[in-house]
């Protein structure tokens, strides 16, 4: 299973340990998204930064759309099926997305790829950036609902 984590809040008055955790997760700016594999260390880091990010399990269809529209190579070039075919054993972005969701391949292992997706703010805005998702806010773990948020941000 692969998590998608999105930074929701900015850097003002962030405690140093949380700031360092966000740097290790590569979430440097608001509306940046990264793909993370499910491991106990990653889950611990997500819990430390839960007041500044939201995360959940990403679907194959949303991941395909995310890589196609927002995935970038060095030089700000788009990721295409031809590039995927030449750089990996997968024939297109759809099959690569399935392998990433199944934890058979890591997105950051693609050569010359930028590991962060720069997204737009969500249409109609966040639900509230000071409350958790369970309290009708935007922060913390949201499970499969992360796919709806990413759809609004692509």
N, C-alpha and C. Protein backbone atom coordinates (compact mmCIF):
# COMPACT_ATOMS: atom_id res chain seq x y z
N UNK A 1 0.83 -1.17 0.00
CA UNK A 1 0.00 0.00 0.00
C UNK A 1 0.88 1.24 0.00
N UNK A 2 0.47 2.24 -0.74
CA UNK A 2 1.23 3.48 -0.85
C UNK A 2 0.40 4.63 -0.34
N UNK A 3 1.03 5.47 0.48
CA UNK A 3 0.38 6.66 1.01
C UNK A 3 0.71 7.86 0.13
N UNK A 4 -0.24 8.78 0.01
CA UNK A 4 0.01 10.10 -0.56
C UNK A 4 -0.12 11.09 0.59
N UNK A 5 0.89 11.92 0.79
CA UNK A 5 0.87 12.92 1.85
C UNK A 5 0.92 14.30 1.22
N UNK A 6 0.05 15.20 1.70
CA UNK A 6 -0.04 16.56 1.18
C UNK A 6 0.17 17.54 2.32
N UNK A 7 1.03 18.52 2.12
CA UNK A 7 1.24 19.55 3.13
C UNK A 7 0.10 20.56 3.04
N UNK A 8 -0.50 20.87 4.21
CA UNK A 8 -1.67 21.75 4.25
C UNK A 8 -1.32 23.11 4.85
N UNK A 9 -0.48 23.13 5.87
CA UNK A 9 -0.17 24.37 6.58
C UNK A 9 1.25 24.83 6.30
N UNK A 10 1.49 26.11 6.55
CA UNK A 10 2.78 26.73 6.26
C UNK A 10 3.81 26.53 7.35
N UNK A 11 4.84 27.37 7.34
CA UNK A 11 6.02 27.17 8.18
C UNK A 11 6.07 28.08 9.41
N UNK A 12 5.13 28.96 9.60
CA UNK A 12 5.19 29.90 10.71
C UNK A 12 4.96 29.17 12.03
N UNK A 13 5.81 29.42 13.02
CA UNK A 13 5.71 28.87 14.38
C UNK A 13 5.70 27.34 14.42
N UNK A 14 6.46 26.70 13.54
CA UNK A 14 6.55 25.24 13.54
C UNK A 14 7.67 24.85 14.48
N UNK A 15 7.42 23.86 15.34
CA UNK A 15 8.45 23.37 16.26
C UNK A 15 9.58 22.73 15.46
N UNK A 16 10.82 22.83 15.97
CA UNK A 16 11.96 22.33 15.19
C UNK A 16 11.89 20.85 14.84
N UNK A 17 11.39 20.00 15.74
CA UNK A 17 11.34 18.57 15.42
C UNK A 17 10.31 18.29 14.33
N UNK A 18 9.21 19.03 14.32
CA UNK A 18 8.20 18.86 13.27
C UNK A 18 8.74 19.39 11.94
N UNK A 19 9.46 20.51 12.00
CA UNK A 19 10.06 21.08 10.79
C UNK A 19 11.04 20.10 10.15
N UNK A 20 11.85 19.44 10.98
CA UNK A 20 12.82 18.47 10.48
C UNK A 20 12.11 17.25 9.87
N UNK A 21 11.02 16.82 10.50
CA UNK A 21 10.25 15.69 9.97
C UNK A 21 9.65 16.04 8.61
N UNK A 22 9.13 17.25 8.47
CA UNK A 22 8.58 17.67 7.19
C UNK A 22 9.67 17.73 6.11
N UNK A 23 10.88 18.14 6.50
CA UNK A 23 11.99 18.15 5.54
C UNK A 23 12.35 16.73 5.12
N UNK A 24 12.37 15.80 6.07
CA UNK A 24 12.69 14.41 5.75
C UNK A 24 11.62 13.78 4.85
N UNK A 25 10.38 14.23 4.99
CA UNK A 25 9.30 13.74 4.13
C UNK A 25 9.27 14.45 2.78
N UNK A 26 10.16 15.43 2.58
CA UNK A 26 10.24 16.24 1.36
C UNK A 26 9.02 17.12 1.16
N UNK A 27 8.35 17.51 2.23
CA UNK A 27 7.19 18.39 2.15
C UNK A 27 7.63 19.80 2.59
N UNK A 28 8.28 20.52 1.68
CA UNK A 28 8.87 21.81 2.01
C UNK A 28 7.88 22.96 1.91
N UNK A 29 6.89 22.84 1.04
CA UNK A 29 5.95 23.94 0.80
C UNK A 29 4.51 23.45 0.86
N UNK A 30 3.61 24.38 1.06
CA UNK A 30 2.18 24.07 1.09
C UNK A 30 1.74 23.57 -0.28
N UNK A 31 0.84 22.60 -0.30
CA UNK A 31 0.27 21.98 -1.50
C UNK A 31 1.26 21.10 -2.25
N UNK A 32 2.36 20.70 -1.60
CA UNK A 32 3.25 19.71 -2.18
C UNK A 32 2.77 18.33 -1.75
N UNK A 33 2.93 17.36 -2.64
CA UNK A 33 2.47 16.00 -2.39
C UNK A 33 3.62 15.03 -2.65
N UNK A 34 3.76 14.02 -1.79
CA UNK A 34 4.76 12.98 -1.98
C UNK A 34 4.11 11.62 -1.82
N UNK A 35 4.73 10.61 -2.43
CA UNK A 35 4.28 9.23 -2.31
C UNK A 35 5.19 8.52 -1.31
N UNK A 36 4.60 7.85 -0.32
CA UNK A 36 5.36 7.18 0.73
C UNK A 36 4.88 5.74 0.85
N UNK A 37 5.83 4.83 1.11
CA UNK A 37 5.44 3.45 1.31
C UNK A 37 5.03 3.24 2.77
N UNK A 38 4.26 2.19 3.01
CA UNK A 38 3.75 1.92 4.35
C UNK A 38 4.80 1.15 5.15
N UNK A 39 5.45 1.86 6.08
CA UNK A 39 6.43 1.26 6.98
C UNK A 39 6.23 1.88 8.36
N UNK A 40 6.62 1.20 9.42
CA UNK A 40 6.44 1.77 10.76
C UNK A 40 7.16 3.11 10.95
N UNK A 41 8.33 3.27 10.35
CA UNK A 41 9.05 4.54 10.50
C UNK A 41 8.31 5.68 9.81
N UNK A 42 7.77 5.40 8.63
CA UNK A 42 7.02 6.43 7.90
C UNK A 42 5.75 6.78 8.66
N UNK A 43 5.07 5.76 9.20
CA UNK A 43 3.85 6.04 9.97
C UNK A 43 4.16 6.91 11.19
N UNK A 44 5.29 6.67 11.83
CA UNK A 44 5.69 7.49 12.96
C UNK A 44 5.95 8.93 12.56
N UNK A 45 6.61 9.12 11.41
CA UNK A 45 6.87 10.47 10.91
C UNK A 45 5.57 11.18 10.56
N UNK A 46 4.62 10.46 9.99
CA UNK A 46 3.33 11.06 9.66
C UNK A 46 2.59 11.49 10.92
N UNK A 47 2.70 10.69 11.99
CA UNK A 47 2.06 11.05 13.25
C UNK A 47 2.69 12.30 13.87
N UNK A 48 4.01 12.44 13.73
CA UNK A 48 4.68 13.63 14.27
C UNK A 48 4.20 14.89 13.56
N UNK A 49 4.02 14.79 12.24
CA UNK A 49 3.66 15.96 11.43
C UNK A 49 2.16 16.08 11.17
N UNK A 50 1.34 15.36 11.91
CA UNK A 50 -0.09 15.28 11.62
C UNK A 50 -0.83 16.61 11.70
N UNK A 51 -0.28 17.60 12.41
CA UNK A 51 -0.93 18.90 12.52
C UNK A 51 -0.61 19.83 11.36
N UNK A 52 0.17 19.36 10.40
CA UNK A 52 0.56 20.18 9.26
C UNK A 52 0.30 19.51 7.92
N UNK A 53 -0.03 18.21 7.93
CA UNK A 53 -0.23 17.47 6.67
C UNK A 53 -1.50 16.64 6.74
N UNK A 54 -1.89 16.12 5.60
CA UNK A 54 -2.95 15.12 5.52
C UNK A 54 -2.45 13.99 4.64
N UNK A 55 -2.91 12.77 4.91
CA UNK A 55 -2.44 11.62 4.14
C UNK A 55 -3.49 10.53 4.10
N UNK A 56 -3.30 9.60 3.15
CA UNK A 56 -4.19 8.46 3.00
C UNK A 56 -3.69 7.55 1.90
N UNK A 57 -4.44 6.46 1.65
CA UNK A 57 -4.07 5.48 0.63
C UNK A 57 -4.52 5.97 -0.74
N UNK A 58 -3.60 5.99 -1.69
CA UNK A 58 -3.90 6.50 -3.02
C UNK A 58 -4.36 5.37 -3.94
N UNK A 59 -5.32 5.67 -4.83
CA UNK A 59 -5.82 4.73 -5.83
C UNK A 59 -4.95 4.76 -7.07
N UNK A 60 -5.07 3.70 -7.87
CA UNK A 60 -4.31 3.61 -9.12
C UNK A 60 -4.75 4.67 -10.12
N UNK A 61 -6.05 4.91 -10.24
CA UNK A 61 -6.54 5.87 -11.23
C UNK A 61 -6.09 7.29 -10.90
N UNK A 62 -6.15 7.65 -9.62
CA UNK A 62 -5.73 8.99 -9.20
C UNK A 62 -4.23 9.14 -9.36
N UNK A 63 -3.48 8.08 -9.04
CA UNK A 63 -2.02 8.12 -9.19
C UNK A 63 -1.63 8.26 -10.65
N UNK A 64 -2.34 7.57 -11.54
CA UNK A 64 -2.06 7.71 -12.98
C UNK A 64 -2.27 9.15 -13.43
N UNK A 65 -3.38 9.74 -12.99
CA UNK A 65 -3.69 11.12 -13.35
C UNK A 65 -2.65 12.08 -12.76
N UNK A 66 -2.23 11.80 -11.53
CA UNK A 66 -1.24 12.65 -10.85
C UNK A 66 0.11 12.61 -11.58
N UNK A 67 0.56 11.42 -11.95
CA UNK A 67 1.84 11.30 -12.65
C UNK A 67 1.76 11.95 -14.03
N UNK A 68 0.65 11.74 -14.72
CA UNK A 68 0.48 12.29 -16.07
C UNK A 68 0.46 13.82 -16.05
N UNK A 69 -0.32 14.39 -15.13
CA UNK A 69 -0.51 15.84 -15.13
C UNK A 69 0.54 16.60 -14.34
N UNK A 70 1.03 16.05 -13.23
CA UNK A 70 1.91 16.79 -12.33
C UNK A 70 3.30 16.19 -12.15
N UNK A 71 3.54 15.00 -12.68
CA UNK A 71 4.87 14.40 -12.56
C UNK A 71 5.86 15.12 -13.46
N UNK A 72 7.05 15.41 -12.93
CA UNK A 72 8.04 16.16 -13.69
C UNK A 72 9.41 15.49 -13.61
N UNK A 73 10.16 15.65 -14.69
CA UNK A 73 11.55 15.23 -14.75
C UNK A 73 12.43 16.46 -14.57
N UNK A 74 13.74 16.23 -14.42
CA UNK A 74 14.66 17.37 -14.34
C UNK A 74 14.54 18.18 -15.61
N UNK A 75 14.59 19.49 -15.48
CA UNK A 75 14.37 20.37 -16.62
C UNK A 75 12.91 20.69 -16.81
N UNK A 76 12.07 20.33 -15.84
CA UNK A 76 10.63 20.58 -15.85
C UNK A 76 9.94 19.98 -17.08
N UNK A 77 10.37 18.77 -17.46
CA UNK A 77 9.73 18.07 -18.57
C UNK A 77 8.68 17.12 -18.03
N UNK A 78 7.60 16.93 -18.79
CA UNK A 78 6.53 16.03 -18.37
C UNK A 78 6.96 14.57 -18.51
N UNK A 79 6.34 13.72 -17.71
CA UNK A 79 6.58 12.28 -17.80
C UNK A 79 5.64 11.70 -18.84
N UNK A 80 6.19 10.98 -19.82
CA UNK A 80 5.38 10.42 -20.90
C UNK A 80 5.50 8.90 -20.90
N UNK A 81 4.63 8.25 -21.66
CA UNK A 81 4.68 6.80 -21.80
C UNK A 81 6.00 6.36 -22.44
N UNK A 82 6.52 7.17 -23.38
CA UNK A 82 7.78 6.83 -24.03
C UNK A 82 8.92 6.83 -23.01
N UNK A 83 8.93 7.81 -22.12
CA UNK A 83 9.97 7.88 -21.09
C UNK A 83 9.87 6.67 -20.16
N UNK A 84 8.66 6.32 -19.74
CA UNK A 84 8.45 5.18 -18.84
C UNK A 84 8.93 3.89 -19.50
N UNK A 85 8.63 3.75 -20.80
CA UNK A 85 9.03 2.54 -21.53
C UNK A 85 10.55 2.43 -21.62
N UNK A 86 11.23 3.57 -21.81
CA UNK A 86 12.69 3.53 -21.96
C UNK A 86 13.41 3.43 -20.62
N UNK A 87 12.82 3.98 -19.54
CA UNK A 87 13.52 4.04 -18.25
C UNK A 87 13.21 2.85 -17.34
N UNK A 88 12.08 2.16 -17.56
CA UNK A 88 11.69 1.07 -16.68
C UNK A 88 11.27 -0.14 -17.51
N UNK A 89 10.85 -1.20 -16.81
CA UNK A 89 10.35 -2.39 -17.49
C UNK A 89 8.86 -2.29 -17.76
N UNK A 90 8.22 -1.20 -17.34
CA UNK A 90 6.77 -1.03 -17.54
C UNK A 90 6.51 -0.33 -18.87
N UNK A 91 5.38 -0.68 -19.50
CA UNK A 91 5.12 -0.19 -20.85
C UNK A 91 4.42 1.17 -20.87
N UNK A 92 3.71 1.52 -19.80
CA UNK A 92 3.03 2.83 -19.79
C UNK A 92 2.84 3.31 -18.34
N UNK A 93 2.30 4.50 -18.20
CA UNK A 93 2.12 5.12 -16.89
C UNK A 93 1.11 4.34 -16.05
N UNK A 94 0.09 3.79 -16.70
CA UNK A 94 -0.95 3.04 -15.98
C UNK A 94 -0.36 1.81 -15.27
N UNK A 95 0.49 1.08 -15.95
CA UNK A 95 1.12 -0.11 -15.35
C UNK A 95 2.13 0.28 -14.27
N UNK A 96 2.81 1.39 -14.48
CA UNK A 96 3.74 1.90 -13.46
C UNK A 96 2.97 2.29 -12.21
N UNK A 97 1.82 2.94 -12.37
CA UNK A 97 1.00 3.35 -11.23
C UNK A 97 0.52 2.13 -10.44
N UNK A 98 0.14 1.07 -11.14
CA UNK A 98 -0.29 -0.15 -10.45
C UNK A 98 0.86 -0.75 -9.65
N UNK A 99 2.07 -0.74 -10.22
CA UNK A 99 3.24 -1.28 -9.51
C UNK A 99 3.58 -0.43 -8.28
N UNK A 100 3.40 0.89 -8.38
CA UNK A 100 3.67 1.77 -7.23
C UNK A 100 2.65 1.52 -6.13
N UNK A 101 1.38 1.37 -6.48
CA UNK A 101 0.34 1.11 -5.48
C UNK A 101 0.58 -0.23 -4.79
N UNK A 102 1.07 -1.23 -5.53
CA UNK A 102 1.34 -2.56 -4.97
C UNK A 102 2.70 -2.66 -4.28
N UNK A 103 3.43 -1.54 -4.16
CA UNK A 103 4.77 -1.50 -3.54
C UNK A 103 5.79 -2.37 -4.25
N UNK A 104 5.65 -2.55 -5.56
CA UNK A 104 6.65 -3.29 -6.33
C UNK A 104 7.70 -2.35 -6.91
N UNK A 105 7.40 -1.07 -6.96
CA UNK A 105 8.31 -0.07 -7.52
C UNK A 105 8.13 1.23 -6.75
N UNK A 106 9.21 1.97 -6.55
CA UNK A 106 9.14 3.26 -5.87
C UNK A 106 9.22 4.37 -6.91
N UNK A 107 8.33 5.34 -6.78
CA UNK A 107 8.30 6.46 -7.73
C UNK A 107 9.62 7.20 -7.75
N UNK A 108 10.23 7.38 -6.58
CA UNK A 108 11.49 8.15 -6.52
C UNK A 108 12.66 7.42 -7.18
N UNK A 109 12.50 6.11 -7.49
CA UNK A 109 13.56 5.36 -8.14
C UNK A 109 13.59 5.56 -9.66
N UNK A 110 12.61 6.28 -10.22
CA UNK A 110 12.67 6.62 -11.63
C UNK A 110 13.87 7.55 -11.85
N UNK A 111 14.68 7.33 -12.89
CA UNK A 111 15.82 8.22 -13.10
C UNK A 111 15.38 9.63 -13.51
N UNK A 112 16.05 10.63 -12.95
CA UNK A 112 15.81 12.05 -13.26
C UNK A 112 14.41 12.54 -12.92
N UNK A 113 13.69 11.88 -12.01
CA UNK A 113 12.35 12.32 -11.66
C UNK A 113 12.41 13.22 -10.43
N UNK A 114 11.52 14.20 -10.39
CA UNK A 114 11.39 15.02 -9.19
C UNK A 114 10.40 14.29 -8.26
N UNK A 115 10.79 13.99 -7.02
CA UNK A 115 9.96 13.15 -6.16
C UNK A 115 8.74 13.87 -5.57
N UNK A 116 8.62 15.17 -5.80
CA UNK A 116 7.53 15.95 -5.22
C UNK A 116 6.58 16.39 -6.33
N UNK A 117 5.28 16.28 -6.07
CA UNK A 117 4.26 16.79 -6.99
C UNK A 117 3.83 18.17 -6.48
N UNK A 118 3.94 19.18 -7.33
CA UNK A 118 3.50 20.53 -6.94
C UNK A 118 2.04 20.68 -7.40
N UNK A 119 1.14 20.80 -6.46
CA UNK A 119 -0.28 20.84 -6.77
C UNK A 119 -0.85 22.24 -6.60
N UNK A 120 -2.02 22.46 -7.20
CA UNK A 120 -2.77 23.69 -6.99
C UNK A 120 -3.50 23.59 -5.66
N UNK A 121 -3.90 24.75 -5.09
CA UNK A 121 -4.80 24.66 -3.94
C UNK A 121 -6.11 23.99 -4.37
N UNK A 122 -6.79 23.28 -3.46
CA UNK A 122 -7.99 22.55 -3.88
C UNK A 122 -9.12 23.50 -4.27
N UNK A 123 -9.88 23.09 -5.29
CA UNK A 123 -11.07 23.86 -5.68
C UNK A 123 -12.04 23.88 -4.50
N UNK A 124 -12.62 25.01 -4.21
CA UNK A 124 -13.51 25.24 -3.07
C UNK A 124 -12.76 25.23 -1.74
N UNK A 125 -11.44 25.13 -1.77
CA UNK A 125 -10.61 25.27 -0.57
C UNK A 125 -10.58 24.05 0.33
N UNK A 126 -9.71 24.13 1.35
CA UNK A 126 -9.65 23.09 2.36
C UNK A 126 -10.85 23.23 3.28
N UNK A 127 -11.16 22.15 4.02
CA UNK A 127 -12.31 22.18 4.92
C UNK A 127 -12.04 23.05 6.14
N UNK A 128 -10.80 23.22 6.50
CA UNK A 128 -10.38 23.99 7.66
C UNK A 128 -9.02 23.49 8.06
N UNK A 129 -8.01 24.36 8.08
CA UNK A 129 -6.64 23.88 8.25
C UNK A 129 -6.21 23.83 9.72
N UNK A 130 -7.13 23.99 10.65
CA UNK A 130 -6.76 23.92 12.06
C UNK A 130 -7.41 22.74 12.77
N UNK A 131 -8.26 21.99 12.07
CA UNK A 131 -8.92 20.84 12.69
C UNK A 131 -8.55 19.56 11.95
N UNK A 132 -8.67 18.45 12.66
CA UNK A 132 -8.37 17.16 12.04
C UNK A 132 -9.52 16.75 11.12
N UNK A 133 -9.25 15.77 10.28
CA UNK A 133 -10.24 15.32 9.31
C UNK A 133 -11.46 14.72 10.00
N UNK A 134 -11.26 14.07 11.15
CA UNK A 134 -12.39 13.49 11.87
C UNK A 134 -13.30 14.56 12.47
N UNK A 135 -12.76 15.77 12.66
CA UNK A 135 -13.56 16.88 13.19
C UNK A 135 -13.97 17.85 12.08
N UNK A 136 -14.13 17.33 10.87
CA UNK A 136 -14.53 18.09 9.69
C UNK A 136 -13.50 19.14 9.29
N UNK A 137 -12.23 18.82 9.50
CA UNK A 137 -11.13 19.69 9.07
C UNK A 137 -10.38 19.05 7.92
N UNK A 138 -9.11 19.47 7.74
CA UNK A 138 -8.31 18.96 6.62
C UNK A 138 -7.07 18.22 7.05
N UNK A 139 -6.77 18.15 8.33
CA UNK A 139 -5.49 17.60 8.79
C UNK A 139 -5.58 16.13 9.17
N UNK A 140 -4.43 15.46 9.16
CA UNK A 140 -4.35 14.10 9.66
C UNK A 140 -4.72 13.04 8.64
N UNK A 141 -4.95 11.83 9.15
CA UNK A 141 -5.23 10.67 8.30
C UNK A 141 -6.65 10.74 7.76
N UNK A 142 -6.81 10.51 6.47
CA UNK A 142 -8.14 10.53 5.87
C UNK A 142 -8.45 9.31 5.02
N UNK A 143 -7.59 8.32 5.00
CA UNK A 143 -7.89 7.07 4.29
C UNK A 143 -8.06 7.27 2.80
N UNK A 144 -9.10 6.68 2.24
CA UNK A 144 -9.37 6.76 0.80
C UNK A 144 -9.85 8.14 0.36
N UNK A 145 -10.24 8.98 1.32
CA UNK A 145 -10.73 10.32 0.98
C UNK A 145 -9.61 11.21 0.42
N UNK A 146 -8.35 10.80 0.56
CA UNK A 146 -7.24 11.57 0.00
C UNK A 146 -7.37 11.66 -1.51
N UNK A 147 -7.99 10.65 -2.13
CA UNK A 147 -8.16 10.65 -3.58
C UNK A 147 -9.05 11.79 -4.05
N UNK A 148 -10.11 12.09 -3.29
CA UNK A 148 -11.00 13.21 -3.64
C UNK A 148 -10.25 14.54 -3.53
N UNK A 149 -9.43 14.68 -2.49
CA UNK A 149 -8.67 15.90 -2.30
C UNK A 149 -7.66 16.10 -3.43
N UNK A 150 -6.95 15.04 -3.79
CA UNK A 150 -5.96 15.16 -4.86
C UNK A 150 -6.63 15.46 -6.20
N UNK A 151 -7.80 14.88 -6.44
CA UNK A 151 -8.56 15.18 -7.66
C UNK A 151 -8.88 16.67 -7.73
N UNK A 152 -9.25 17.27 -6.57
CA UNK A 152 -9.56 18.69 -6.54
C UNK A 152 -8.32 19.55 -6.73
N UNK A 153 -7.14 18.99 -6.46
CA UNK A 153 -5.90 19.77 -6.52
C UNK A 153 -5.16 19.62 -7.85
N UNK A 154 -5.48 18.61 -8.64
CA UNK A 154 -4.80 18.43 -9.94
C UNK A 154 -5.35 19.44 -10.89
